[in-house]
Amino acid sequence: MTNSTFYDANGVDHFLSHFLYSDFILSNQIKTGVARLPFNLMAEYEENLNAHANPFDAAGLVSTLGKQNRAYGFDASFGQAQKKGDVQFGYSWWRIEQDAILASFGESDQRAPTNVLQNRVYGTWRIQKNVLAQYTMWFGRTLNTNLENNAASVNKTVSTAGTKEPTLKRQQFDLVYTF
């Protein structure tokens, strides 16, 4: 959980922000002249209209950092993974502030669900009509280590709030079988 939270008088944990999204998504596929290698582009901007004006800092005090309510990014790729023999390779970049989205619904494979700067390089190969091989390289870091519940402090990759976290790199191989 990387959203800003607080405990009430009964010791019950609550979100500091409320969540009401405004979201703009552009998704387009452009033919390249090679039918099996279209260019795919997706861009997204999301804003939490009900985010709290000032989230808590790493010490649990109200910060002066302002709203942490925006998420934006893009994904660009060549190819597709629909028929046997198809390949696709691409790159995506995301910047997601602490209270832009509910952390529980964020991408589970990236560095953290929110308060993150994340890159992803990936490739897929449709081996058979029902078998897909995938490779993904994730590299990212905590966006702001001054904020409460930041992944860098929780996982002890930084010892001082405000310090820039080193980039975390992870690789993932998947073999997906569908029936």
Protein backbone atom coordinates (compact mmCIF):
# COMPACT_ATOMS: atom_id res chain seq x y z
CA MET A 1 0.00 0.00 0.00
CA THR A 2 1.70 3.18 -1.15
CA ASN A 3 -1.19 5.68 -0.87
CA SER A 4 -1.22 8.30 1.88
CA THR A 5 -3.11 6.96 4.92
CA PHE A 6 -3.96 7.87 8.51
CA TYR A 7 -5.31 6.15 11.63
CA ASP A 8 -8.49 7.42 13.28
CA ALA A 9 -9.09 7.59 17.06
CA ASN A 10 -10.07 3.90 17.06
CA GLY A 11 -6.85 2.82 15.33
CA VAL A 12 -8.56 2.12 11.98
CA ASP A 13 -6.47 2.88 8.89
CA HIS A 14 -8.07 5.17 6.24
CA PHE A 15 -7.03 6.69 2.91
CA LEU A 16 -6.14 10.38 3.30
CA SER A 17 -7.48 11.12 -0.20
CA HIS A 18 -10.79 10.27 -1.77
CA PHE A 19 -10.70 8.96 -5.33
CA LEU A 20 -12.55 10.37 -8.35
CA TYR A 21 -10.71 9.88 -11.63
CA SER A 22 -10.54 11.95 -14.76
CA ASP A 23 -8.83 9.83 -17.41
CA PHE A 24 -7.78 10.43 -21.01
CA ILE A 25 -6.49 7.53 -23.11
CA LEU A 26 -5.25 7.62 -26.68
CA SER A 27 -4.74 4.25 -28.34
CA ASN A 28 -3.84 3.91 -32.00
CA GLN A 29 -2.43 1.31 -34.38
CA ILE A 30 -0.61 2.41 -37.54
CA LYS A 31 0.06 0.11 -40.47
CA THR A 32 3.74 -0.09 -41.40
CA GLY A 33 3.60 -1.88 -44.74
CA VAL A 34 4.39 -5.21 -43.07
CA ALA A 35 1.01 -6.64 -42.03
CA ARG A 36 2.38 -8.52 -39.01
CA LEU A 37 4.35 -5.52 -37.68
CA PRO A 38 1.96 -2.62 -37.03
CA PHE A 39 3.09 0.27 -34.83
CA ASN A 40 0.99 0.51 -31.65
CA LEU A 41 0.87 3.63 -29.51
CA MET A 42 -1.01 4.16 -26.27
CA ALA A 43 -0.79 7.29 -24.13
CA GLU A 44 -2.68 7.99 -20.91
CA TYR A 45 -3.19 10.91 -18.52
CA GLU A 46 -5.13 10.39 -15.31
CA GLU A 47 -5.91 12.77 -12.48
CA ASN A 48 -7.50 12.06 -9.10
CA LEU A 49 -9.84 15.02 -8.71
CA ASN A 50 -10.45 14.29 -5.00
CA ALA A 51 -6.83 13.95 -3.85
CA HIS A 52 -5.91 15.61 -0.57
CA ALA A 53 -4.11 18.94 -0.96
CA ASN A 54 -1.04 17.87 1.07
CA PRO A 55 -0.24 14.20 1.78
CA PHE A 56 1.83 13.06 4.74
CA ASP A 57 5.61 13.00 4.58
CA ALA A 58 7.84 10.08 5.60
CA ALA A 59 7.69 11.22 9.25
CA GLY A 60 3.86 11.16 9.21
CA LEU A 61 3.50 14.96 9.20
CA VAL A 62 1.50 17.02 6.71
CA SER A 63 3.83 17.88 3.83
CA THR A 64 3.97 21.00 1.69
CA LEU A 65 4.55 18.97 -1.46
CA GLY A 66 1.06 19.66 -2.85
CA LYS A 67 -1.33 17.18 -4.42
CA GLN A 68 0.17 13.90 -5.57
CA ASN A 69 -2.71 13.16 -7.91
CA ARG A 70 -1.46 12.61 -11.47
CA ALA A 71 -0.44 9.59 -13.50
CA TYR A 72 0.77 9.63 -17.07
CA GLY A 73 2.69 7.45 -19.42
CA PHE A 74 2.89 5.79 -22.79
CA ASP A 75 3.45 2.42 -24.41
CA ALA A 76 4.89 2.02 -27.90
CA SER A 77 5.36 -1.30 -29.69
CA PHE A 78 5.85 -2.95 -33.05
CA GLY A 79 4.07 -6.16 -33.97
CA GLN A 80 1.21 -8.20 -32.63
CA ALA A 81 0.66 -11.51 -30.85
CA GLN A 82 -2.45 -12.90 -32.51
CA LYS A 83 -1.40 -15.73 -34.85
CA LYS A 84 1.25 -18.45 -34.69
CA GLY A 85 4.66 -16.92 -35.46
CA ASP A 86 3.68 -13.35 -34.56
CA VAL A 87 6.14 -11.25 -32.56
CA GLN A 88 5.78 -7.99 -30.68
CA PHE A 89 8.36 -5.85 -28.92
CA GLY A 90 7.94 -2.55 -27.14
CA TYR A 91 8.73 -0.01 -24.46
CA SER A 92 6.59 1.80 -21.89
CA TRP A 93 7.22 4.62 -19.42
CA TRP A 94 5.00 5.59 -16.48
CA ARG A 95 5.04 8.30 -13.81
CA ILE A 96 2.41 7.67 -11.13
CA GLU A 97 2.14 10.00 -8.14
CA GLN A 98 1.19 8.71 -4.68
CA ASP A 99 -2.58 9.33 -4.70
CA ALA A 100 -3.21 9.28 -8.46
CA ILE A 101 -4.82 5.82 -8.25
CA LEU A 102 -5.78 3.33 -5.56
CA ALA A 103 -2.56 1.40 -4.99
CA SER A 104 -4.45 -1.88 -4.70
CA PHE A 105 -5.46 -1.60 -8.36
CA GLY A 106 -2.05 -0.56 -9.74
CA GLU A 107 0.20 -2.73 -11.91
CA SER A 108 1.50 -5.46 -9.60
CA ASP A 109 4.73 -6.16 -11.49
CA GLN A 110 6.23 -2.68 -11.39
CA ARG A 111 8.48 -1.27 -8.62
CA ALA A 112 5.46 -0.02 -6.63
CA PRO A 113 1.82 0.61 -7.53
CA THR A 114 2.04 4.39 -6.92
CA ASN A 115 4.72 7.00 -6.19
CA VAL A 116 6.81 5.41 -8.91
CA LEU A 117 8.77 6.20 -12.05
CA GLN A 118 8.70 3.00 -14.11
CA ASN A 119 10.13 1.77 -17.43
CA ARG A 120 9.38 -1.52 -19.13
CA VAL A 121 10.92 -3.25 -22.16
CA TYR A 122 9.13 -6.32 -23.44
CA GLY A 123 8.87 -8.87 -26.23
CA THR A 124 6.38 -11.61 -27.08
CA TRP A 125 6.36 -14.52 -29.48
CA ARG A 126 3.25 -16.54 -30.36
CA ILE A 127 4.84 -20.03 -30.52
CA GLN A 128 1.56 -21.84 -31.22
CA LYS A 129 -1.98 -20.53 -31.49
CA ASN A 130 -2.42 -21.29 -27.78
CA VAL A 131 1.15 -20.73 -26.47
CA LEU A 132 2.74 -17.32 -25.94
CA ALA A 133 6.30 -16.70 -24.73
CA GLN A 134 6.97 -13.34 -23.08
CA TYR A 135 10.02 -11.52 -21.75
CA THR A 136 9.79 -8.34 -19.68
CA MET A 137 12.50 -6.13 -18.15
CA TRP A 138 11.24 -3.71 -15.51
CA PHE A 139 13.44 -0.88 -14.29
CA GLY A 140 12.18 1.86 -12.02
CA ARG A 141 12.45 3.68 -8.73
CA THR A 142 10.39 5.40 -6.08
CA LEU A 143 9.35 8.82 -7.37
CA ASN A 144 9.47 10.71 -4.06
CA THR A 145 11.09 9.19 -0.96
CA ASN A 146 9.87 12.16 1.13
CA LEU A 147 6.33 10.72 1.14
CA GLU A 148 4.73 8.37 3.65
CA ASN A 149 4.42 4.68 2.68
CA ASN A 150 7.03 4.97 -0.07
CA ALA A 151 8.46 1.66 -1.28
CA ALA A 152 12.09 2.79 -0.88
CA SER A 153 11.72 3.34 2.88
CA VAL A 154 9.61 0.22 3.45
CA ASN A 155 12.09 -1.98 1.56
CA LYS A 156 15.10 -0.11 3.04
CA THR A 157 16.69 0.82 -0.30
CA VAL A 158 17.19 4.33 1.11
CA SER A 159 17.98 5.22 4.72
CA THR A 160 17.18 8.94 4.59
CA ALA A 161 13.87 10.44 3.40
CA GLY A 162 14.37 12.58 0.30
CA THR A 163 17.28 10.51 -1.00
CA LYS A 164 16.96 9.36 -4.61
CA GLU A 165 16.45 5.61 -4.73
CA PRO A 166 18.71 3.52 -6.98
CA THR A 167 16.97 2.01 -10.00
CA LEU A 168 15.56 -1.45 -9.33
CA LYS A 169 15.86 -3.83 -12.30
CA ARG A 170 13.89 -7.05 -12.64
CA GLN A 171 13.43 -9.55 -15.45
CA GLN A 172 10.50 -11.84 -16.02
CA PHE A 173 9.95 -14.75 -18.39
CA ASP A 174 6.45 -16.11 -18.97
CA LEU A 175 5.09 -19.01 -20.95
CA VAL A 176 1.33 -18.58 -21.29
CA TYR A 177 -0.83 -21.51 -22.32
CA THR A 178 -4.49 -20.88 -23.16
CA PHE A 179 -7.20 -23.46 -23.64
